[in-house]
Amino acid sequence: MHESSLAASILSIVRETAEREGSGPVVQVDLCVGELAGVEENTLRACFEMLAEGTVA
């Protein structure tokens, strides 16, 4: 399941950006997933939410 590694990479980018910008908690992340990406959007969302729990994201 490559969605979990994608979610981890996205979370890393969000956390680094929030830290660099000195922002508070991130409440929304907008992401466009192309049709040919071979990504299950619901699985990606679930993985991201699970990994982001307890972080600024």
N, C-alpha and C. Protein backbone atom coordinates (compact mmCIF):
# COMPACT_ATOMS: atom_id res chain seq x y z
N MET A 1 0.85 -1.17 0.00
CA MET A 1 0.00 0.00 0.00
C MET A 1 0.90 1.24 0.00
N HIS A 2 1.04 1.88 -1.14
CA HIS A 2 1.92 3.04 -1.21
C HIS A 2 1.25 4.31 -0.70
N GLU A 3 -0.05 4.25 -0.41
CA GLU A 3 -0.73 5.41 0.14
C GLU A 3 -0.15 5.82 1.49
N SER A 4 0.28 4.83 2.28
CA SER A 4 0.83 5.17 3.60
C SER A 4 2.16 5.91 3.47
N SER A 5 3.00 5.53 2.51
CA SER A 5 4.26 6.26 2.33
C SER A 5 4.00 7.64 1.74
N LEU A 6 3.00 7.76 0.87
CA LEU A 6 2.64 9.08 0.35
C LEU A 6 2.13 9.97 1.47
N ALA A 7 1.28 9.41 2.32
CA ALA A 7 0.74 10.18 3.45
C ALA A 7 1.86 10.64 4.37
N ALA A 8 2.82 9.78 4.62
CA ALA A 8 3.96 10.14 5.48
C ALA A 8 4.77 11.27 4.86
N SER A 9 4.97 11.22 3.56
CA SER A 9 5.72 12.28 2.87
C SER A 9 4.96 13.60 2.90
N ILE A 10 3.66 13.53 2.67
CA ILE A 10 2.83 14.75 2.71
C ILE A 10 2.86 15.34 4.11
N LEU A 11 2.71 14.50 5.12
CA LEU A 11 2.73 14.96 6.51
C LEU A 11 4.07 15.63 6.83
N SER A 12 5.14 15.06 6.36
CA SER A 12 6.46 15.64 6.59
C SER A 12 6.55 17.04 5.99
N ILE A 13 6.06 17.20 4.78
CA ILE A 13 6.07 18.52 4.12
C ILE A 13 5.22 19.51 4.90
N VAL A 14 4.03 19.07 5.33
CA VAL A 14 3.13 19.95 6.09
C VAL A 14 3.79 20.38 7.40
N ARG A 15 4.37 19.43 8.10
CA ARG A 15 5.01 19.75 9.39
C ARG A 15 6.19 20.69 9.21
N GLU A 16 7.03 20.43 8.22
CA GLU A 16 8.19 21.30 7.96
C GLU A 16 7.76 22.71 7.58
N THR A 17 6.72 22.80 6.76
CA THR A 17 6.22 24.11 6.34
C THR A 17 5.63 24.87 7.52
N ALA A 18 4.84 24.19 8.34
CA ALA A 18 4.23 24.83 9.51
C ALA A 18 5.31 25.33 10.46
N GLU A 19 6.35 24.54 10.65
CA GLU A 19 7.45 24.94 11.54
C GLU A 19 8.20 26.14 10.97
N ARG A 20 8.50 26.08 9.69
CA ARG A 20 9.24 27.16 9.03
C ARG A 20 8.46 28.47 9.07
N GLU A 21 7.14 28.38 8.86
CA GLU A 21 6.29 29.57 8.82
C GLU A 21 5.86 30.02 10.22
N GLY A 22 6.14 29.21 11.23
CA GLY A 22 5.75 29.54 12.59
C GLY A 22 4.25 29.55 12.78
N SER A 23 3.56 28.72 12.05
CA SER A 23 2.10 28.70 12.13
C SER A 23 1.63 27.81 13.27
N GLY A 24 0.36 27.97 13.60
CA GLY A 24 -0.27 27.11 14.59
C GLY A 24 -0.70 25.81 13.93
N PRO A 25 -1.67 25.16 14.52
CA PRO A 25 -2.15 23.90 13.97
C PRO A 25 -2.68 24.06 12.54
N VAL A 26 -2.40 23.10 11.71
CA VAL A 26 -2.89 23.07 10.33
C VAL A 26 -4.26 22.41 10.37
N VAL A 27 -5.27 23.10 9.84
CA VAL A 27 -6.63 22.57 9.91
C VAL A 27 -7.11 21.98 8.59
N GLN A 28 -6.38 22.25 7.51
CA GLN A 28 -6.81 21.73 6.22
C GLN A 28 -5.61 21.58 5.30
N VAL A 29 -5.59 20.49 4.56
CA VAL A 29 -4.57 20.26 3.54
C VAL A 29 -5.32 19.93 2.26
N ASP A 30 -5.13 20.74 1.22
CA ASP A 30 -5.77 20.48 -0.07
C ASP A 30 -4.77 19.79 -0.97
N LEU A 31 -5.21 18.73 -1.60
CA LEU A 31 -4.33 17.93 -2.44
C LEU A 31 -5.11 17.46 -3.67
N CYS A 32 -4.52 17.61 -4.83
CA CYS A 32 -5.13 17.10 -6.06
C CYS A 32 -4.44 15.80 -6.43
N VAL A 33 -5.23 14.77 -6.62
CA VAL A 33 -4.70 13.46 -7.00
C VAL A 33 -5.17 13.17 -8.42
N GLY A 34 -4.22 13.04 -9.32
CA GLY A 34 -4.56 12.78 -10.72
C GLY A 34 -5.16 11.40 -10.92
N GLU A 35 -5.96 11.27 -11.95
CA GLU A 35 -6.64 10.01 -12.25
C GLU A 35 -5.66 8.86 -12.48
N LEU A 36 -4.52 9.16 -13.04
CA LEU A 36 -3.55 8.11 -13.38
C LEU A 36 -2.52 7.87 -12.28
N ALA A 37 -2.73 8.47 -11.11
CA ALA A 37 -1.77 8.33 -10.02
C ALA A 37 -1.81 6.94 -9.38
N GLY A 38 -2.90 6.24 -9.55
CA GLY A 38 -3.02 4.92 -8.95
C GLY A 38 -3.14 4.98 -7.44
N VAL A 39 -3.79 6.02 -6.95
CA VAL A 39 -3.92 6.23 -5.51
C VAL A 39 -5.39 6.15 -5.12
N GLU A 40 -5.67 5.37 -4.08
CA GLU A 40 -7.02 5.31 -3.51
C GLU A 40 -7.16 6.51 -2.58
N GLU A 41 -7.98 7.48 -2.97
CA GLU A 41 -8.09 8.70 -2.19
C GLU A 41 -8.55 8.44 -0.76
N ASN A 42 -9.52 7.57 -0.58
CA ASN A 42 -10.01 7.29 0.78
C ASN A 42 -8.94 6.65 1.64
N THR A 43 -8.14 5.78 1.05
CA THR A 43 -7.06 5.14 1.80
C THR A 43 -5.99 6.16 2.15
N LEU A 44 -5.65 7.04 1.20
CA LEU A 44 -4.68 8.09 1.46
C LEU A 44 -5.17 9.00 2.59
N ARG A 45 -6.43 9.39 2.53
CA ARG A 45 -7.00 10.25 3.56
C ARG A 45 -6.92 9.58 4.93
N ALA A 46 -7.31 8.31 4.99
CA ALA A 46 -7.30 7.58 6.26
C ALA A 46 -5.87 7.45 6.81
N CYS A 47 -4.92 7.15 5.94
CA CYS A 47 -3.52 7.04 6.37
C CYS A 47 -3.01 8.38 6.89
N PHE A 48 -3.33 9.45 6.17
CA PHE A 48 -2.88 10.77 6.60
C PHE A 48 -3.46 11.13 7.96
N GLU A 49 -4.75 10.92 8.12
CA GLU A 49 -5.40 11.25 9.39
C GLU A 49 -4.80 10.45 10.54
N MET A 50 -4.51 9.18 10.30
CA MET A 50 -3.92 8.34 11.34
C MET A 50 -2.52 8.84 11.71
N LEU A 51 -1.70 9.13 10.70
CA LEU A 51 -0.34 9.59 10.95
C LEU A 51 -0.29 10.99 11.54
N ALA A 52 -1.26 11.83 11.19
CA ALA A 52 -1.25 13.23 11.64
C ALA A 52 -1.76 13.39 13.06
N GLU A 53 -2.41 12.39 13.59
CA GLU A 53 -2.98 12.50 14.93
C GLU A 53 -1.90 12.87 15.95
N GLY A 54 -2.16 13.94 16.69
CA GLY A 54 -1.22 14.40 17.71
C GLY A 54 -0.11 15.30 17.19
N THR A 55 -0.17 15.68 15.90
CA THR A 55 0.84 16.58 15.33
C THR A 55 0.19 17.92 15.00
N VAL A 56 0.98 18.86 14.47
CA VAL A 56 0.41 20.16 14.08
C VAL A 56 -0.51 20.03 12.87
N ALA A 57 -0.39 18.94 12.16
CA ALA A 57 -1.21 18.76 10.96
C ALA A 57 -2.55 18.27 11.37
